[in-house]
Amino acid sequence: MDRKHNKNIVPAARMLRKNMTKKERHLWYEFLRNYPLRFSRQKVLGKYIVDFYCAKAGLVFELDGSQHYEEKNMIEDAERTEYLEAYGLSVIRIPNNEVNTNFYGVCEYIDAAVKKALLH
């Protein structure tokens, strides 16, 4: 990674932590905050800020709203994923509507992904 802690975007990460979306807040306070492994939220990784990051498992979880399915944003997301994967991280994208309609399924999916990553 260019710099693990990019000072230039730390203020933006702090602002995003204070102003999490409703879905991010729900996932953080109802599941990830008390998960047995440490998760960080709005974590600076190189030139990006990721929604949720588990260093021990090498996983990044991104909650994607509808704007992520527009062509321009899909290209940017692919570049972002490629950048993060170059450092050995796996990026998992979860649609926002899944957090609304299938919260427990999302939690089980995250738990399974973490456990699988720890085995490798």
N, C-alpha and C. Protein backbone atom coordinates (compact mmCIF):
# COMPACT_ATOMS: atom_id res chain seq x y z
N MET A 1 0.85 -1.17 0.00
CA MET A 1 0.00 0.00 0.00
C MET A 1 0.89 1.23 0.00
N ASP A 2 0.48 2.26 -0.68
CA ASP A 2 1.29 3.47 -0.76
C ASP A 2 1.69 3.90 0.65
N ARG A 3 0.72 4.18 1.47
CA ARG A 3 0.91 4.50 2.88
C ARG A 3 -0.26 3.91 3.62
N LYS A 4 0.04 3.16 4.64
CA LYS A 4 -1.06 2.55 5.38
C LYS A 4 -1.96 3.61 5.99
N HIS A 5 -1.36 4.68 6.44
CA HIS A 5 -2.15 5.73 7.09
C HIS A 5 -1.95 7.03 6.33
N ASN A 6 -2.79 7.27 5.37
CA ASN A 6 -2.72 8.44 4.53
C ASN A 6 -3.30 9.65 5.29
N LYS A 7 -2.41 10.49 5.81
CA LYS A 7 -2.84 11.63 6.63
C LYS A 7 -3.81 12.56 5.92
N ASN A 8 -3.72 12.60 4.60
CA ASN A 8 -4.57 13.52 3.85
C ASN A 8 -6.06 13.17 3.91
N ILE A 9 -6.36 11.89 4.10
CA ILE A 9 -7.78 11.52 4.12
C ILE A 9 -8.29 11.10 5.51
N VAL A 10 -7.46 11.20 6.52
CA VAL A 10 -7.89 10.89 7.88
C VAL A 10 -9.06 11.77 8.32
N PRO A 11 -9.05 13.08 8.05
CA PRO A 11 -10.22 13.88 8.45
C PRO A 11 -11.52 13.41 7.78
N ALA A 12 -11.42 12.98 6.54
CA ALA A 12 -12.61 12.47 5.84
C ALA A 12 -13.09 11.18 6.50
N ALA A 13 -12.16 10.32 6.90
CA ALA A 13 -12.52 9.07 7.57
C ALA A 13 -13.21 9.36 8.90
N ARG A 14 -12.69 10.32 9.63
CA ARG A 14 -13.32 10.70 10.92
C ARG A 14 -14.74 11.19 10.70
N MET A 15 -14.91 12.02 9.68
CA MET A 15 -16.23 12.55 9.36
C MET A 15 -17.19 11.42 8.98
N LEU A 16 -16.70 10.47 8.19
CA LEU A 16 -17.55 9.34 7.81
C LEU A 16 -17.91 8.47 9.01
N ARG A 17 -17.00 8.33 9.97
CA ARG A 17 -17.28 7.57 11.18
C ARG A 17 -18.39 8.23 11.99
N LYS A 18 -18.33 9.55 12.06
CA LYS A 18 -19.34 10.30 12.82
C LYS A 18 -20.68 10.32 12.10
N ASN A 19 -20.67 10.19 10.79
CA ASN A 19 -21.89 10.31 9.99
C ASN A 19 -22.16 9.04 9.18
N MET A 20 -22.08 7.90 9.85
CA MET A 20 -22.32 6.64 9.16
C MET A 20 -23.75 6.60 8.60
N THR A 21 -23.91 5.86 7.52
CA THR A 21 -25.25 5.68 6.97
C THR A 21 -26.05 4.82 7.95
N LYS A 22 -27.35 4.81 7.76
CA LYS A 22 -28.23 4.02 8.62
C LYS A 22 -27.85 2.54 8.57
N LYS A 23 -27.53 2.04 7.37
CA LYS A 23 -27.17 0.63 7.23
C LYS A 23 -25.83 0.33 7.88
N GLU A 24 -24.85 1.23 7.71
CA GLU A 24 -23.54 1.05 8.36
C GLU A 24 -23.70 1.03 9.87
N ARG A 25 -24.48 1.96 10.39
CA ARG A 25 -24.71 2.05 11.83
C ARG A 25 -25.34 0.75 12.36
N HIS A 26 -26.34 0.27 11.62
CA HIS A 26 -27.03 -0.96 12.03
C HIS A 26 -26.04 -2.13 12.07
N LEU A 27 -25.28 -2.32 11.01
CA LEU A 27 -24.33 -3.43 10.96
C LEU A 27 -23.25 -3.28 12.03
N TRP A 28 -22.76 -2.07 12.24
CA TRP A 28 -21.71 -1.84 13.23
C TRP A 28 -22.21 -2.12 14.66
N TYR A 29 -23.29 -1.45 15.05
CA TYR A 29 -23.75 -1.54 16.44
C TYR A 29 -24.44 -2.85 16.77
N GLU A 30 -25.03 -3.50 15.78
CA GLU A 30 -25.77 -4.73 16.05
C GLU A 30 -24.96 -6.00 15.78
N PHE A 31 -23.74 -5.85 15.17
CA PHE A 31 -22.99 -7.06 14.87
C PHE A 31 -21.47 -6.88 14.95
N LEU A 32 -20.91 -6.02 14.13
CA LEU A 32 -19.44 -5.97 13.98
C LEU A 32 -18.71 -5.43 15.21
N ARG A 33 -19.30 -4.48 15.89
CA ARG A 33 -18.62 -3.87 17.04
C ARG A 33 -18.27 -4.91 18.11
N ASN A 34 -19.12 -5.90 18.29
CA ASN A 34 -18.89 -6.91 19.32
C ASN A 34 -18.45 -8.25 18.74
N TYR A 35 -18.03 -8.25 17.50
CA TYR A 35 -17.57 -9.49 16.86
C TYR A 35 -16.29 -9.95 17.57
N PRO A 36 -16.07 -11.27 17.68
CA PRO A 36 -14.87 -11.75 18.40
C PRO A 36 -13.54 -11.25 17.85
N LEU A 37 -13.45 -10.99 16.54
CA LEU A 37 -12.24 -10.38 15.98
C LEU A 37 -12.49 -8.88 15.83
N ARG A 38 -11.42 -8.11 15.91
CA ARG A 38 -11.55 -6.65 15.82
C ARG A 38 -11.85 -6.21 14.39
N PHE A 39 -12.87 -5.39 14.26
CA PHE A 39 -13.19 -4.72 13.01
C PHE A 39 -12.97 -3.23 13.20
N SER A 40 -12.51 -2.57 12.15
CA SER A 40 -12.41 -1.11 12.13
C SER A 40 -13.47 -0.61 11.17
N ARG A 41 -13.98 0.57 11.44
CA ARG A 41 -14.95 1.17 10.52
C ARG A 41 -14.36 2.43 9.91
N GLN A 42 -14.70 2.67 8.66
CA GLN A 42 -14.19 3.82 7.91
C GLN A 42 -12.67 3.89 8.08
N LYS A 43 -12.02 2.82 7.70
CA LYS A 43 -10.57 2.65 7.88
C LYS A 43 -9.81 3.15 6.65
N VAL A 44 -8.77 3.93 6.90
CA VAL A 44 -7.90 4.39 5.82
C VAL A 44 -6.95 3.27 5.45
N LEU A 45 -7.01 2.86 4.19
CA LEU A 45 -6.09 1.86 3.65
C LEU A 45 -5.51 2.43 2.37
N GLY A 46 -4.28 2.92 2.46
CA GLY A 46 -3.66 3.54 1.29
C GLY A 46 -4.41 4.79 0.90
N LYS A 47 -4.88 4.83 -0.34
CA LYS A 47 -5.58 6.02 -0.83
C LYS A 47 -7.10 5.92 -0.71
N TYR A 48 -7.58 4.90 -0.01
CA TYR A 48 -9.02 4.69 0.12
C TYR A 48 -9.46 4.64 1.58
N ILE A 49 -10.75 4.88 1.78
CA ILE A 49 -11.39 4.69 3.07
C ILE A 49 -12.40 3.57 2.85
N VAL A 50 -12.24 2.47 3.59
CA VAL A 50 -13.14 1.34 3.43
C VAL A 50 -14.17 1.34 4.55
N ASP A 51 -15.35 0.78 4.27
CA ASP A 51 -16.42 0.80 5.27
C ASP A 51 -16.04 0.02 6.52
N PHE A 52 -15.68 -1.26 6.35
CA PHE A 52 -15.32 -2.10 7.48
C PHE A 52 -14.11 -2.95 7.11
N TYR A 53 -13.20 -3.13 8.06
CA TYR A 53 -11.95 -3.83 7.80
C TYR A 53 -11.61 -4.73 8.97
N CYS A 54 -11.29 -5.99 8.66
CA CYS A 54 -10.82 -6.94 9.66
C CYS A 54 -9.39 -7.31 9.27
N ALA A 55 -8.41 -6.75 9.97
CA ALA A 55 -7.00 -6.96 9.62
C ALA A 55 -6.60 -8.42 9.77
N LYS A 56 -7.02 -9.06 10.84
CA LYS A 56 -6.61 -10.44 11.10
C LYS A 56 -7.05 -11.38 9.98
N ALA A 57 -8.23 -11.13 9.41
CA ALA A 57 -8.75 -11.97 8.32
C ALA A 57 -8.37 -11.43 6.94
N GLY A 58 -7.85 -10.21 6.89
CA GLY A 58 -7.50 -9.60 5.60
C GLY A 58 -8.71 -9.31 4.74
N LEU A 59 -9.80 -8.91 5.40
CA LEU A 59 -11.06 -8.68 4.68
C LEU A 59 -11.53 -7.24 4.79
N VAL A 60 -12.07 -6.77 3.68
CA VAL A 60 -12.72 -5.46 3.61
C VAL A 60 -14.18 -5.72 3.24
N PHE A 61 -15.09 -5.13 3.97
CA PHE A 61 -16.52 -5.24 3.66
C PHE A 61 -17.02 -3.85 3.28
N GLU A 62 -17.64 -3.78 2.12
CA GLU A 62 -18.20 -2.52 1.63
C GLU A 62 -19.71 -2.66 1.50
N LEU A 63 -20.44 -1.70 2.05
CA LEU A 63 -21.88 -1.66 1.85
C LEU A 63 -22.15 -0.75 0.67
N ASP A 64 -22.85 -1.29 -0.32
CA ASP A 64 -23.06 -0.57 -1.57
C ASP A 64 -24.50 -0.14 -1.74
N GLY A 65 -24.69 1.17 -1.88
CA GLY A 65 -26.00 1.72 -2.22
C GLY A 65 -26.21 1.66 -3.72
N SER A 66 -27.34 2.11 -4.18
CA SER A 66 -27.71 2.00 -5.59
C SER A 66 -26.73 2.71 -6.52
N GLN A 67 -26.06 3.77 -6.04
CA GLN A 67 -25.12 4.51 -6.89
C GLN A 67 -23.94 3.64 -7.32
N HIS A 68 -23.66 2.58 -6.57
CA HIS A 68 -22.54 1.70 -6.92
C HIS A 68 -22.83 0.84 -8.15
N TYR A 69 -24.06 0.85 -8.60
CA TYR A 69 -24.44 0.04 -9.76
C TYR A 69 -24.54 0.86 -11.03
N GLU A 70 -24.12 2.11 -10.95
CA GLU A 70 -24.01 2.95 -12.15
C GLU A 70 -22.66 2.67 -12.78
N GLU A 71 -22.59 2.72 -14.11
CA GLU A 71 -21.39 2.29 -14.83
C GLU A 71 -20.11 2.96 -14.33
N LYS A 72 -20.13 4.28 -14.19
CA LYS A 72 -18.94 5.02 -13.74
C LYS A 72 -18.47 4.51 -12.37
N ASN A 73 -19.40 4.33 -11.47
CA ASN A 73 -19.04 3.89 -10.12
C ASN A 73 -18.62 2.42 -10.09
N MET A 74 -19.16 1.61 -10.98
CA MET A 74 -18.74 0.21 -11.05
C MET A 74 -17.28 0.13 -11.49
N ILE A 75 -16.88 1.00 -12.40
CA ILE A 75 -15.49 1.04 -12.85
C ILE A 75 -14.58 1.47 -11.71
N GLU A 76 -14.98 2.52 -10.98
CA GLU A 76 -14.19 3.01 -9.84
C GLU A 76 -14.09 1.94 -8.75
N ASP A 77 -15.20 1.23 -8.50
CA ASP A 77 -15.18 0.16 -7.49
C ASP A 77 -14.24 -0.97 -7.90
N ALA A 78 -14.22 -1.29 -9.20
CA ALA A 78 -13.32 -2.35 -9.69
C ALA A 78 -11.87 -1.93 -9.50
N GLU A 79 -11.55 -0.66 -9.77
CA GLU A 79 -10.18 -0.16 -9.58
C GLU A 79 -9.80 -0.20 -8.10
N ARG A 80 -10.72 0.18 -7.26
CA ARG A 80 -10.51 0.18 -5.81
C ARG A 80 -10.25 -1.25 -5.32
N THR A 81 -11.07 -2.19 -5.78
CA THR A 81 -10.92 -3.59 -5.40
C THR A 81 -9.57 -4.12 -5.86
N GLU A 82 -9.20 -3.82 -7.08
CA GLU A 82 -7.90 -4.28 -7.62
C GLU A 82 -6.75 -3.72 -6.78
N TYR A 83 -6.83 -2.45 -6.41
CA TYR A 83 -5.80 -1.81 -5.58
C TYR A 83 -5.67 -2.53 -4.24
N LEU A 84 -6.79 -2.80 -3.58
CA LEU A 84 -6.77 -3.44 -2.27
C LEU A 84 -6.32 -4.90 -2.36
N GLU A 85 -6.76 -5.58 -3.41
CA GLU A 85 -6.36 -6.98 -3.60
C GLU A 85 -4.86 -7.11 -3.86
N ALA A 86 -4.26 -6.09 -4.43
CA ALA A 86 -2.81 -6.11 -4.68
C ALA A 86 -2.03 -6.19 -3.38
N TYR A 87 -2.65 -5.86 -2.28
CA TYR A 87 -2.02 -5.93 -0.97
C TYR A 87 -2.50 -7.13 -0.16
N GLY A 88 -3.10 -8.09 -0.86
CA GLY A 88 -3.50 -9.32 -0.20
C GLY A 88 -4.82 -9.27 0.53
N LEU A 89 -5.58 -8.22 0.32
CA LEU A 89 -6.89 -8.10 0.97
C LEU A 89 -7.97 -8.64 0.05
N SER A 90 -9.03 -9.16 0.64
CA SER A 90 -10.21 -9.57 -0.12
C SER A 90 -11.30 -8.55 0.15
N VAL A 91 -11.97 -8.12 -0.92
CA VAL A 91 -13.03 -7.13 -0.80
C VAL A 91 -14.37 -7.82 -1.04
N ILE A 92 -15.27 -7.66 -0.10
CA ILE A 92 -16.60 -8.25 -0.20
C ILE A 92 -17.61 -7.11 -0.20
N ARG A 93 -18.43 -7.09 -1.24
CA ARG A 93 -19.44 -6.03 -1.39
C ARG A 93 -20.81 -6.58 -1.03
N ILE A 94 -21.51 -5.83 -0.22
CA ILE A 94 -22.83 -6.23 0.23
C ILE A 94 -23.80 -5.10 -0.13
N PRO A 95 -24.85 -5.41 -0.88
CA PRO A 95 -25.83 -4.37 -1.22
C PRO A 95 -26.55 -3.88 0.04
N ASN A 96 -26.77 -2.57 0.11
CA ASN A 96 -27.48 -1.98 1.24
C ASN A 96 -28.82 -2.64 1.50
N ASN A 97 -29.55 -2.95 0.42
CA ASN A 97 -30.89 -3.51 0.63
C ASN A 97 -30.84 -4.87 1.32
N GLU A 98 -29.71 -5.59 1.22
CA GLU A 98 -29.56 -6.86 1.94
C GLU A 98 -29.50 -6.62 3.45
N VAL A 99 -28.88 -5.52 3.86
CA VAL A 99 -28.82 -5.20 5.29
C VAL A 99 -30.23 -4.94 5.80
N ASN A 100 -31.07 -4.32 4.96
CA ASN A 100 -32.46 -4.04 5.35
C ASN A 100 -33.32 -5.29 5.37
N THR A 101 -33.20 -6.10 4.33
CA THR A 101 -34.15 -7.20 4.16
C THR A 101 -33.66 -8.54 4.70
N ASN A 102 -32.35 -8.69 4.90
CA ASN A 102 -31.80 -9.98 5.31
C ASN A 102 -30.64 -9.77 6.27
N PHE A 103 -30.86 -9.00 7.32
CA PHE A 103 -29.78 -8.63 8.23
C PHE A 103 -29.06 -9.85 8.82
N TYR A 104 -29.81 -10.82 9.29
CA TYR A 104 -29.17 -11.99 9.91
C TYR A 104 -28.41 -12.80 8.87
N GLY A 105 -28.92 -12.85 7.65
CA GLY A 105 -28.21 -13.52 6.57
C GLY A 105 -26.89 -12.83 6.25
N VAL A 106 -26.89 -11.50 6.29
CA VAL A 106 -25.67 -10.72 6.06
C VAL A 106 -24.66 -11.02 7.17
N CYS A 107 -25.13 -11.06 8.40
CA CYS A 107 -24.24 -11.36 9.53
C CYS A 107 -23.65 -12.75 9.40
N GLU A 108 -24.46 -13.73 9.02
CA GLU A 108 -23.97 -15.10 8.83
C GLU A 108 -22.96 -15.15 7.69
N TYR A 109 -23.22 -14.40 6.62
CA TYR A 109 -22.31 -14.35 5.47
C TYR A 109 -20.96 -13.77 5.87
N ILE A 110 -20.98 -12.68 6.63
CA ILE A 110 -19.73 -12.06 7.10
C ILE A 110 -18.98 -13.03 8.00
N ASP A 111 -19.69 -13.66 8.93
CA ASP A 111 -19.06 -14.61 9.84
C ASP A 111 -18.41 -15.76 9.07
N ALA A 112 -19.11 -16.30 8.08
CA ALA A 112 -18.56 -17.40 7.28
C ALA A 112 -17.34 -16.94 6.49
N ALA A 113 -17.38 -15.73 5.93
CA ALA A 113 -16.24 -15.19 5.17
C ALA A 113 -15.02 -15.02 6.06
N VAL A 114 -15.22 -14.53 7.27
CA VAL A 114 -14.11 -14.36 8.22
C VAL A 114 -13.52 -15.71 8.58
N LYS A 115 -14.36 -16.67 8.91
CA LYS A 115 -13.88 -17.99 9.30
C LYS A 115 -13.13 -18.65 8.14
N LYS A 116 -13.62 -18.52 6.92
CA LYS A 116 -12.96 -19.09 5.76
C LYS A 116 -11.59 -18.43 5.54
N ALA A 117 -11.53 -17.10 5.68
CA ALA A 117 -10.29 -16.38 5.48
C ALA A 117 -9.23 -16.79 6.52
N LEU A 118 -9.65 -17.08 7.72
CA LEU A 118 -8.72 -17.47 8.77
C LEU A 118 -8.13 -18.86 8.53
N LEU A 119 -8.82 -19.67 7.76
CA LEU A 119 -8.33 -21.01 7.46
C LEU A 119 -7.22 -21.00 6.41
N HIS A 120 -7.16 -19.95 5.63
CA HIS A 120 -6.19 -19.89 4.52
C HIS A 120 -4.96 -19.08 4.88
